Amino acid sequence: MPKLYEYLGLIVFFYANEHEPVHVHGVYQGGECRAELVIENGDVVDIVFRDVKGRRPLDPGQLANFKKLVWAYADDIVKKWVDFFVMHKSIKPERITRNL
């Protein structure tokens, strides 16, 4: 389970056995949400946020933080997806300490 980011207690990660489309999970105190990145011609054109079946959703404040982070780091998320799932590189997690 490669952790990508930690932001105000929110953890953003890939599950190690993920599948396309490119997406990340955000968890905070037992709540979880998923963000699917819609990519056209190599560019992120949209992000679809979904609850995770069988998991409690993120509370509204943490969902807002998750959305801000995923939009701000969308291109980096795609790069990390390719690094991890295609190039089989390890991912170094980042702690984000500034407000987004």
PDB file of N, CA and C in Angstrom:
ATOM      1  N   MET A   1       0.844  -1.169   0.000  1.00  0.00           N
ATOM      2  CA  MET A   1       0.000   0.000   0.000  1.00  0.00           C
ATOM      3  C   MET A   1       0.895   1.239   0.000  1.00  0.00           C
ATOM      4  N   PRO A   2       1.313   1.711  -1.162  1.00  0.00           N
ATOM      5  CA  PRO A   2       2.176   2.885  -1.192  1.00  0.00           C
ATOM      6  C   PRO A   2       1.433   4.158  -0.789  1.00  0.00           C
ATOM      7  N   LYS A   3       1.926   4.806   0.258  1.00  0.00           N
ATOM      8  CA  LYS A   3       1.374   6.076   0.713  1.00  0.00           C
ATOM      9  C   LYS A   3       1.999   7.173  -0.138  1.00  0.00           C
ATOM     10  N   LEU A   4       1.155   8.070  -0.647  1.00  0.00           N
ATOM     11  CA  LEU A   4       1.635   9.166  -1.477  1.00  0.00           C
ATOM     12  C   LEU A   4       1.792  10.456  -0.682  1.00  0.00           C
ATOM     13  N   TYR A   5       0.729  10.801   0.069  1.00  0.00           N
ATOM     14  CA  TYR A   5       0.706  12.074   0.767  1.00  0.00           C
ATOM     15  C   TYR A   5       0.041  11.920   2.134  1.00  0.00           C
ATOM     16  N   GLU A   6       0.457  12.819   3.031  1.00  0.00           N
ATOM     17  CA  GLU A   6      -0.241  13.012   4.296  1.00  0.00           C
ATOM     18  C   GLU A   6      -0.527  14.500   4.394  1.00  0.00           C
ATOM     19  N   TYR A   7      -1.804  14.837   4.613  1.00  0.00           N
ATOM     20  CA  TYR A   7      -2.228  16.233   4.645  1.00  0.00           C
ATOM     21  C   TYR A   7      -3.272  16.417   5.730  1.00  0.00           C
ATOM     22  N   LEU A   8      -2.901  17.108   6.802  1.00  0.00           N
ATOM     23  CA  LEU A   8      -3.819  17.388   7.909  1.00  0.00           C
ATOM     24  C   LEU A   8      -4.468  16.111   8.448  1.00  0.00           C
ATOM     25  N   GLY A   9      -3.697  15.051   8.542  1.00  0.00           N
ATOM     26  CA  GLY A   9      -4.193  13.774   9.052  1.00  0.00           C
ATOM     27  C   GLY A   9      -4.813  12.875   7.998  1.00  0.00           C
ATOM     28  N   LEU A  10      -5.069  13.401   6.820  1.00  0.00           N
ATOM     29  CA  LEU A  10      -5.627  12.636   5.703  1.00  0.00           C
ATOM     30  C   LEU A  10      -4.481  11.895   5.020  1.00  0.00           C
ATOM     31  N   ILE A  11      -4.653  10.609   4.779  1.00  0.00           N
ATOM     32  CA  ILE A  11      -3.648   9.795   4.092  1.00  0.00           C
ATOM     33  C   ILE A  11      -4.162   9.480   2.691  1.00  0.00           C
ATOM     34  N   VAL A  12      -3.333   9.720   1.681  1.00  0.00           N
ATOM     35  CA  VAL A  12      -3.681   9.436   0.288  1.00  0.00           C
ATOM     36  C   VAL A  12      -2.712   8.373  -0.211  1.00  0.00           C
ATOM     37  N   PHE A  13      -3.276   7.313  -0.822  1.00  0.00           N
ATOM     38  CA  PHE A  13      -2.453   6.155  -1.183  1.00  0.00           C
ATOM     39  C   PHE A  13      -3.054   5.386  -2.345  1.00  0.00           C
ATOM     40  N   PHE A  14      -2.249   4.461  -2.885  1.00  0.00           N
ATOM     41  CA  PHE A  14      -2.699   3.425  -3.813  1.00  0.00           C
ATOM     42  C   PHE A  14      -2.774   2.127  -3.023  1.00  0.00           C
ATOM     43  N   TYR A  15      -3.710   1.256  -3.353  1.00  0.00           N
ATOM     44  CA  TYR A  15      -3.590  -0.132  -2.904  1.00  0.00           C
ATOM     45  C   TYR A  15      -2.575  -0.787  -3.831  1.00  0.00           C
ATOM     46  N   ALA A  16      -1.769  -1.695  -3.326  1.00  0.00           N
ATOM     47  CA  ALA A  16      -0.674  -2.283  -4.104  1.00  0.00           C
ATOM     48  C   ALA A  16      -1.157  -3.125  -5.288  1.00  0.00           C
ATOM     49  N   ASN A  17      -2.393  -3.604  -5.247  1.00  0.00           N
ATOM     50  CA  ASN A  17      -2.915  -4.450  -6.333  1.00  0.00           C
ATOM     51  C   ASN A  17      -3.946  -3.699  -7.169  1.00  0.00           C
ATOM     52  N   GLU A  18      -3.753  -2.399  -7.360  1.00  0.00           N
ATOM     53  CA  GLU A  18      -4.728  -1.567  -8.056  1.00  0.00           C
ATOM     54  C   GLU A  18      -4.843  -1.911  -9.531  1.00  0.00           C
ATOM     55  N   HIS A  19      -5.833  -1.323 -10.140  1.00  0.00           N
ATOM     56  CA  HIS A  19      -6.163  -1.515 -11.551  1.00  0.00           C
ATOM     57  C   HIS A  19      -6.513  -0.156 -12.122  1.00  0.00           C
ATOM     58  N   GLU A  20      -6.514  -0.051 -13.428  1.00  0.00           N
ATOM     59  CA  GLU A  20      -6.931   1.193 -14.065  1.00  0.00           C
ATOM     60  C   GLU A  20      -8.435   1.345 -13.924  1.00  0.00           C
ATOM     61  N   PRO A  21      -8.965   2.544 -13.969  1.00  0.00           N
ATOM     62  CA  PRO A  21      -8.324   3.802 -14.275  1.00  0.00           C
ATOM     63  C   PRO A  21      -7.442   4.282 -13.128  1.00  0.00           C
ATOM     64  N   VAL A  22      -6.583   5.250 -13.429  1.00  0.00           N
ATOM     65  CA  VAL A  22      -5.718   5.827 -12.414  1.00  0.00           C
ATOM     66  C   VAL A  22      -6.600   6.413 -11.315  1.00  0.00           C
ATOM     67  N   HIS A  23      -6.335   6.005 -10.085  1.00  0.00           N
ATOM     68  CA  HIS A  23      -7.117   6.529  -8.968  1.00  0.00           C
ATOM     69  C   HIS A  23      -6.338   6.407  -7.670  1.00  0.00           C
ATOM     70  N   VAL A  24      -6.767   7.174  -6.674  1.00  0.00           N
ATOM     71  CA  VAL A  24      -6.175   7.141  -5.345  1.00  0.00           C
ATOM     72  C   VAL A  24      -7.293   7.020  -4.324  1.00  0.00           C
ATOM     73  N   HIS A  25      -6.898   6.605  -3.136  1.00  0.00           N
ATOM     74  CA  HIS A  25      -7.822   6.523  -2.009  1.00  0.00           C
ATOM     75  C   HIS A  25      -7.375   7.529  -0.964  1.00  0.00           C
ATOM     76  N   GLY A  26      -8.339   8.117  -0.288  1.00  0.00           N
ATOM     77  CA  GLY A  26      -8.063   9.002   0.831  1.00  0.00           C
ATOM     78  C   GLY A  26      -8.747   8.455   2.067  1.00  0.00           C
ATOM     79  N   VAL A  27      -8.033   8.351   3.171  1.00  0.00           N
ATOM     80  CA  VAL A  27      -8.621   7.858   4.419  1.00  0.00           C
ATOM     81  C   VAL A  27      -8.332   8.839   5.551  1.00  0.00           C
ATOM     82  N   TYR A  28      -9.310   8.918   6.441  1.00  0.00           N
ATOM     83  CA  TYR A  28      -9.177   9.742   7.631  1.00  0.00           C
ATOM     84  C   TYR A  28     -10.102   9.164   8.697  1.00  0.00           C
ATOM     85  N   GLN A  29      -9.519   8.737   9.798  1.00  0.00           N
ATOM     86  CA  GLN A  29     -10.259   8.211  10.946  1.00  0.00           C
ATOM     87  C   GLN A  29     -11.366   7.233  10.539  1.00  0.00           C
ATOM     88  N   GLY A  30     -11.022   6.259   9.703  1.00  0.00           N
ATOM     89  CA  GLY A  30     -11.951   5.206   9.318  1.00  0.00           C
ATOM     90  C   GLY A  30     -12.846   5.524   8.134  1.00  0.00           C
ATOM     91  N   GLY A  31     -12.862   6.779   7.700  1.00  0.00           N
ATOM     92  CA  GLY A  31     -13.615   7.141   6.504  1.00  0.00           C
ATOM     93  C   GLY A  31     -12.725   7.003   5.287  1.00  0.00           C
ATOM     94  N   GLU A  32     -13.344   6.719   4.142  1.00  0.00           N
ATOM     95  CA  GLU A  32     -12.551   6.528   2.919  1.00  0.00           C
ATOM     96  C   GLU A  32     -13.318   7.026   1.706  1.00  0.00           C
ATOM     97  N   CYS A  33     -12.577   7.572   0.752  1.00  0.00           N
ATOM     98  CA  CYS A  33     -13.123   8.018  -0.529  1.00  0.00           C
ATOM     99  C   CYS A  33     -12.115   7.661  -1.612  1.00  0.00           C
ATOM    100  N   ARG A  34     -12.601   7.587  -2.823  1.00  0.00           N
ATOM    101  CA  ARG A  34     -11.767   7.250  -3.972  1.00  0.00           C
ATOM    102  C   ARG A  34     -11.884   8.381  -4.991  1.00  0.00           C
ATOM    103  N   ALA A  35     -10.769   8.704  -5.646  1.00  0.00           N
ATOM    104  CA  ALA A  35     -10.748   9.731  -6.685  1.00  0.00           C
ATOM    105  C   ALA A  35     -10.197   9.118  -7.963  1.00  0.00           C
ATOM    106  N   GLU A  36     -11.024   9.078  -9.022  1.00  0.00           N
ATOM    107  CA  GLU A  36     -10.599   8.566 -10.328  1.00  0.00           C
ATOM    108  C   GLU A  36     -10.209   9.748 -11.211  1.00  0.00           C
ATOM    109  N   LEU A  37      -9.016   9.689 -11.766  1.00  0.00           N
ATOM    110  CA  LEU A  37      -8.531  10.753 -12.636  1.00  0.00           C
ATOM    111  C   LEU A  37      -8.878  10.410 -14.080  1.00  0.00           C
ATOM    112  N   VAL A  38      -9.580  11.317 -14.740  1.00  0.00           N
ATOM    113  CA  VAL A  38      -9.963  11.140 -16.140  1.00  0.00           C
ATOM    114  C   VAL A  38      -8.876  11.791 -16.978  1.00  0.00           C
ATOM    115  N   ILE A  39      -8.233  10.981 -17.815  1.00  0.00           N
ATOM    116  CA  ILE A  39      -7.083  11.443 -18.592  1.00  0.00           C
ATOM    117  C   ILE A  39      -7.416  11.357 -20.077  1.00  0.00           C
ATOM    118  N   GLU A  40      -7.201  12.478 -20.782  1.00  0.00           N
ATOM    119  CA  GLU A  40      -7.385  12.519 -22.235  1.00  0.00           C
ATOM    120  C   GLU A  40      -6.132  13.143 -22.844  1.00  0.00           C
ATOM    121  N   ASN A  41      -5.555  12.460 -23.812  1.00  0.00           N
ATOM    122  CA  ASN A  41      -4.343  12.941 -24.490  1.00  0.00           C
ATOM    123  C   ASN A  41      -3.244  13.323 -23.499  1.00  0.00           C
ATOM    124  N   GLY A  42      -3.124  12.533 -22.432  1.00  0.00           N
ATOM    125  CA  GLY A  42      -2.065  12.747 -21.458  1.00  0.00           C
ATOM    126  C   GLY A  42      -2.341  13.813 -20.415  1.00  0.00           C
ATOM    127  N   ASP A  43      -3.507  14.460 -20.473  1.00  0.00           N
ATOM    128  CA  ASP A  43      -3.846  15.513 -19.515  1.00  0.00           C
ATOM    129  C   ASP A  43      -5.007  15.070 -18.622  1.00  0.00           C
ATOM    130  N   VAL A  44      -4.947  15.444 -17.352  1.00  0.00           N
ATOM    131  CA  VAL A  44      -6.061  15.189 -16.438  1.00  0.00           C
ATOM    132  C   VAL A  44      -7.129  16.229 -16.752  1.00  0.00           C
ATOM    133  N   VAL A  45      -8.297  15.766 -17.210  1.00  0.00           N
ATOM    134  CA  VAL A  45      -9.375  16.682 -17.605  1.00  0.00           C
ATOM    135  C   VAL A  45     -10.522  16.700 -16.603  1.00  0.00           C
ATOM    136  N   ASP A  46     -10.581  15.701 -15.730  1.00  0.00           N
ATOM    137  CA  ASP A  46     -11.637  15.659 -14.719  1.00  0.00           C
ATOM    138  C   ASP A  46     -11.211  14.689 -13.624  1.00  0.00           C
ATOM    139  N   ILE A  47     -11.842  14.820 -12.476  1.00  0.00           N
ATOM    140  CA  ILE A  47     -11.633  13.888 -11.374  1.00  0.00           C
ATOM    141  C   ILE A  47     -13.002  13.549 -10.811  1.00  0.00           C
ATOM    142  N   VAL A  48     -13.269  12.257 -10.691  1.00  0.00           N
ATOM    143  CA  VAL A  48     -14.554  11.777 -10.186  1.00  0.00           C
ATOM    144  C   VAL A  48     -14.318  11.207  -8.791  1.00  0.00           C
ATOM    145  N   PHE A  49     -15.034  11.754  -7.822  1.00  0.00           N
ATOM    146  CA  PHE A  49     -14.898  11.318  -6.430  1.00  0.00           C
ATOM    147  C   PHE A  49     -16.058  10.397  -6.100  1.00  0.00           C
ATOM    148  N   ARG A  50     -15.740   9.245  -5.490  1.00  0.00           N
ATOM    149  CA  ARG A  50     -16.759   8.244  -5.160  1.00  0.00           C
ATOM    150  C   ARG A  50     -16.528   7.713  -3.750  1.00  0.00           C
ATOM    151  N   ASP A  51     -17.620   7.338  -3.103  1.00  0.00           N
ATOM    152  CA  ASP A  51     -17.507   6.608  -1.844  1.00  0.00           C
ATOM    153  C   ASP A  51     -16.991   5.211  -2.145  1.00  0.00           C
ATOM    154  N   VAL A  52     -16.407   4.566  -1.157  1.00  0.00           N
ATOM    155  CA  VAL A  52     -15.888   3.209  -1.301  1.00  0.00           C
ATOM    156  C   VAL A  52     -16.895   2.263  -0.666  1.00  0.00           C
ATOM    157  N   LYS A  53     -17.357   1.307  -1.446  1.00  0.00           N
ATOM    158  CA  LYS A  53     -18.356   0.348  -0.978  1.00  0.00           C
ATOM    159  C   LYS A  53     -17.864  -0.356   0.295  1.00  0.00           C
ATOM    160  N   GLY A  54     -18.726  -0.411   1.278  1.00  0.00           N
ATOM    161  CA  GLY A  54     -18.402  -1.094   2.522  1.00  0.00           C
ATOM    162  C   GLY A  54     -17.604  -0.253   3.504  1.00  0.00           C
ATOM    163  N   ARG A  55     -17.307   0.998   3.138  1.00  0.00           N
ATOM    164  CA  ARG A  55     -16.546   1.891   4.014  1.00  0.00           C
ATOM    165  C   ARG A  55     -17.378   3.130   4.321  1.00  0.00           C
ATOM    166  N   ARG A  56     -17.160   3.676   5.487  1.00  0.00           N
ATOM    167  CA  ARG A  56     -17.808   4.930   5.843  1.00  0.00           C
ATOM    168  C   ARG A  56     -17.189   6.034   4.986  1.00  0.00           C
ATOM    169  N   PRO A  57     -18.000   6.947   4.433  1.00  0.00           N
ATOM    170  CA  PRO A  57     -17.421   8.028   3.622  1.00  0.00           C
ATOM    171  C   PRO A  57     -16.667   9.031   4.492  1.00  0.00           C
ATOM    172  N   LEU A  58     -15.816   9.797   3.865  1.00  0.00           N
ATOM    173  CA  LEU A  58     -15.136  10.884   4.559  1.00  0.00           C
ATOM    174  C   LEU A  58     -16.162  11.919   5.010  1.00  0.00           C
ATOM    175  N   ASP A  59     -15.896  12.558   6.148  1.00  0.00           N
ATOM    176  CA  ASP A  59     -16.792  13.634   6.573  1.00  0.00           C
ATOM    177  C   ASP A  59     -16.598  14.814   5.617  1.00  0.00           C
ATOM    178  N   PRO A  60     -17.555  15.739   5.558  1.00  0.00           N
ATOM    179  CA  PRO A  60     -17.483  16.824   4.565  1.00  0.00           C
ATOM    180  C   PRO A  60     -16.186  17.629   4.600  1.00  0.00           C
ATOM    181  N   GLY A  61     -15.654  17.918   5.771  1.00  0.00           N
ATOM    182  CA  GLY A  61     -14.411  18.683   5.849  1.00  0.00           C
ATOM    183  C   GLY A  61     -13.237  17.929   5.263  1.00  0.00           C
ATOM    184  N   GLN A  62     -13.132  16.648   5.583  1.00  0.00           N
ATOM    185  CA  GLN A  62     -12.024  15.851   5.043  1.00  0.00           C
ATOM    186  C   GLN A  62     -12.220  15.575   3.555  1.00  0.00           C
ATOM    187  N   LEU A  63     -13.462  15.433   3.113  1.00  0.00           N
ATOM    188  CA  LEU A  63     -13.712  15.266   1.679  1.00  0.00           C
ATOM    189  C   LEU A  63     -13.249  16.513   0.930  1.00  0.00           C
ATOM    190  N   ALA A  64     -13.512  17.684   1.486  1.00  0.00           N
ATOM    191  CA  ALA A  64     -13.054  18.928   0.855  1.00  0.00           C
ATOM    192  C   ALA A  64     -11.527  18.967   0.791  1.00  0.00           C
ATOM    193  N   ASN A  65     -10.850  18.548   1.864  1.00  0.00           N
ATOM    194  CA  ASN A  65      -9.381  18.499   1.853  1.00  0.00           C
ATOM    195  C   ASN A  65      -8.878  17.506   0.813  1.00  0.00           C
ATOM    196  N   PHE A  66      -9.532  16.344   0.720  1.00  0.00           N
ATOM    197  CA  PHE A  66      -9.148  15.322  -0.258  1.00  0.00           C
ATOM    198  C   PHE A  66      -9.290  15.877  -1.680  1.00  0.00           C
ATOM    199  N   LYS A  67     -10.404  16.534  -1.950  1.00  0.00           N
ATOM    200  CA  LYS A  67     -10.625  17.101  -3.285  1.00  0.00           C
ATOM    201  C   LYS A  67      -9.566  18.146  -3.617  1.00  0.00           C
ATOM    202  N   LYS A  68      -9.261  19.038  -2.670  1.00  0.00           N
ATOM    203  CA  LYS A  68      -8.232  20.063  -2.906  1.00  0.00           C
ATOM    204  C   LYS A  68      -6.893  19.417  -3.228  1.00  0.00           C
ATOM    205  N   LEU A  69      -6.528  18.411  -2.437  1.00  0.00           N
ATOM    206  CA  LEU A  69      -5.233  17.766  -2.625  1.00  0.00           C
ATOM    207  C   LEU A  69      -5.161  17.056  -3.978  1.00  0.00           C
ATOM    208  N   VAL A  70      -6.181  16.298  -4.320  1.00  0.00           N
ATOM    209  CA  VAL A  70      -6.142  15.538  -5.576  1.00  0.00           C
ATOM    210  C   VAL A  70      -6.104  16.481  -6.773  1.00  0.00           C
ATOM    211  N   TRP A  71      -6.884  17.558  -6.748  1.00  0.00           N
ATOM    212  CA  TRP A  71      -6.830  18.513  -7.861  1.00  0.00           C
ATOM    213  C   TRP A  71      -5.458  19.181  -7.931  1.00  0.00           C
ATOM    214  N   ALA A  72      -4.901  19.570  -6.789  1.00  0.00           N
ATOM    215  CA  ALA A  72      -3.611  20.260  -6.779  1.00  0.00           C
ATOM    216  C   ALA A  72      -2.461  19.354  -7.225  1.00  0.00           C
ATOM    217  N   TYR A  73      -2.568  18.057  -6.954  1.00  0.00           N
ATOM    218  CA  TYR A  73      -1.467  17.125  -7.219  1.00  0.00           C
ATOM    219  C   TYR A  73      -1.804  16.110  -8.317  1.00  0.00           C
ATOM    220  N   ALA A  74      -2.799  16.387  -9.123  1.00  0.00           N
ATOM    221  CA  ALA A  74      -3.265  15.411 -10.121  1.00  0.00           C
ATOM    222  C   ALA A  74      -2.143  14.928 -11.041  1.00  0.00           C
ATOM    223  N   ASP A  75      -1.355  15.835 -11.579  1.00  0.00           N
ATOM    224  CA  ASP A  75      -0.286  15.420 -12.495  1.00  0.00           C
ATOM    225  C   ASP A  75       0.761  14.575 -11.773  1.00  0.00           C
ATOM    226  N   ASP A  76       1.063  14.936 -10.531  1.00  0.00           N
ATOM    227  CA  ASP A  76       2.019  14.168  -9.739  1.00  0.00           C
ATOM    228  C   ASP A  76       1.467  12.776  -9.416  1.00  0.00           C
ATOM    229  N   ILE A  77       0.164  12.681  -9.173  1.00  0.00           N
ATOM    230  CA  ILE A  77      -0.458  11.378  -8.911  1.00  0.00           C
ATOM    231  C   ILE A  77      -0.301  10.471 -10.122  1.00  0.00           C
ATOM    232  N   VAL A  78      -0.543  11.008 -11.315  1.00  0.00           N
ATOM    233  CA  VAL A  78      -0.384  10.215 -12.537  1.00  0.00           C
ATOM    234  C   VAL A  78       1.065   9.747 -12.670  1.00  0.00           C
ATOM    235  N   LYS A  79       2.009  10.646 -12.422  1.00  0.00           N
ATOM    236  CA  LYS A  79       3.430  10.277 -12.500  1.00  0.00           C
ATOM    237  C   LYS A  79       3.750   9.166 -11.507  1.00  0.00           C
ATOM    238  N   LYS A  80       3.252   9.282 -10.284  1.00  0.00           N
ATOM    239  CA  LYS A  80       3.516   8.261  -9.273  1.00  0.00           C
ATOM    240  C   LYS A  80       2.847   6.938  -9.638  1.00  0.00           C
ATOM    241  N   TRP A  81       1.667   6.985 -10.261  1.00  0.00           N
ATOM    242  CA  TRP A  81       1.006   5.767 -10.716  1.00  0.00           C
ATOM    243  C   TRP A  81       1.900   5.045 -11.726  1.00  0.00           C
ATOM    244  N   VAL A  82       2.409   5.788 -12.700  1.00  0.00           N
ATOM    245  CA  VAL A  82       3.281   5.195 -13.717  1.00  0.00           C
ATOM    246  C   VAL A  82       4.560   4.664 -13.066  1.00  0.00           C
ATOM    247  N   ASP A  83       5.151   5.455 -12.188  1.00  0.00           N
ATOM    248  CA  ASP A  83       6.370   5.000 -11.511  1.00  0.00           C
ATOM    249  C   ASP A  83       6.136   3.685 -10.767  1.00  0.00           C
ATOM    250  N   PHE A  84       5.036   3.602 -10.032  1.00  0.00           N
ATOM    251  CA  PHE A  84       4.800   2.424  -9.199  1.00  0.00           C
ATOM    252  C   PHE A  84       4.301   1.217  -9.997  1.00  0.00           C
ATOM    253  N   PHE A  85       3.256   1.420 -10.800  1.00  0.00           N
ATOM    254  CA  PHE A  85       2.620   0.277 -11.456  1.00  0.00           C
ATOM    255  C   PHE A  85       3.258  -0.121 -12.784  1.00  0.00           C
ATOM    256  N   VAL A  86       3.915   0.811 -13.463  1.00  0.00           N
ATOM    257  CA  VAL A  86       4.526   0.496 -14.756  1.00  0.00           C
ATOM    258  C   VAL A  86       6.031   0.296 -14.612  1.00  0.00           C
ATOM    259  N   MET A  87       6.681   1.234 -13.937  1.00  0.00           N
ATOM    260  CA  MET A  87       8.144   1.191 -13.817  1.00  0.00           C
ATOM    261  C   MET A  87       8.607   0.401 -12.593  1.00  0.00           C
ATOM    262  N   HIS A  88       7.667   0.036 -11.708  1.00  0.00           N
ATOM    263  CA  HIS A  88       7.954  -0.741 -10.496  1.00  0.00           C
ATOM    264  C   HIS A  88       8.974  -0.053  -9.583  1.00  0.00           C
ATOM    265  N   LYS A  89       8.835   1.262  -9.478  1.00  0.00           N
ATOM    266  CA  LYS A  89       9.680   2.044  -8.579  1.00  0.00           C
ATOM    267  C   LYS A  89       8.967   2.212  -7.243  1.00  0.00           C
ATOM    268  N   SER A  90       9.735   2.411  -6.194  1.00  0.00           N
ATOM    269  CA  SER A  90       9.121   2.697  -4.902  1.00  0.00           C
ATOM    270  C   SER A  90       8.712   4.169  -4.863  1.00  0.00           C
ATOM    271  N   ILE A  91       7.738   4.461  -4.022  1.00  0.00           N
ATOM    272  CA  ILE A  91       7.205   5.813  -3.892  1.00  0.00           C
ATOM    273  C   ILE A  91       7.579   6.349  -2.520  1.00  0.00           C
ATOM    274  N   LYS A  92       8.132   7.542  -2.493  1.00  0.00           N
ATOM    275  CA  LYS A  92       8.460   8.184  -1.224  1.00  0.00           C
ATOM    276  C   LYS A  92       7.284   9.084  -0.835  1.00  0.00           C
ATOM    277  N   PRO A  93       6.675   8.837   0.336  1.00  0.00           N
ATOM    278  CA  PRO A  93       5.522   9.659   0.728  1.00  0.00           C
ATOM    279  C   PRO A  93       5.937  11.094   1.043  1.00  0.00           C
ATOM    280  N   GLU A  94       5.000  12.009   0.829  1.00  0.00           N
ATOM    281  CA  GLU A  94       5.234  13.420   1.107  1.00  0.00           C
ATOM    282  C   GLU A  94       4.278  13.883   2.203  1.00  0.00           C
ATOM    283  N   ARG A  95       4.779  14.672   3.129  1.00  0.00           N
ATOM    284  CA  ARG A  95       3.925  15.316   4.135  1.00  0.00           C
ATOM    285  C   ARG A  95       3.713  16.747   3.661  1.00  0.00           C
ATOM    286  N   ILE A  96       2.467  17.116   3.451  1.00  0.00           N
ATOM    287  CA  ILE A  96       2.130  18.463   2.995  1.00  0.00           C
ATOM    288  C   ILE A  96       1.739  19.281   4.225  1.00  0.00           C
ATOM    289  N   THR A  97       2.508  20.321   4.496  1.00  0.00           N
ATOM    290  CA  THR A  97       2.282  21.090   5.714  1.00  0.00           C
ATOM    291  C   THR A  97       1.651  22.459   5.456  1.00  0.00           C
ATOM    292  N   ARG A  98       1.587  22.871   4.200  1.00  0.00           N
ATOM    293  CA  ARG A  98       0.957  24.162   3.895  1.00  0.00           C
ATOM    294  C   ARG A  98      -0.512  23.929   3.526  1.00  0.00           C
ATOM    295  N   ASN A  99      -1.336  24.928   3.766  1.00  0.00           N
ATOM    296  CA  ASN A  99      -2.740  24.815   3.372  1.00  0.00           C
ATOM    297  C   ASN A  99      -2.859  24.899   1.857  1.00  0.00           C
ATOM    298  N   LEU A 100      -3.725  24.076   1.326  1.00  0.00           N
ATOM    299  CA  LEU A 100      -3.959  24.085  -0.127  1.00  0.00           C
ATOM    300  C   LEU A 100      -5.117  25.005  -0.455  1.00  0.00           C
TER     301      LEU A 100
END
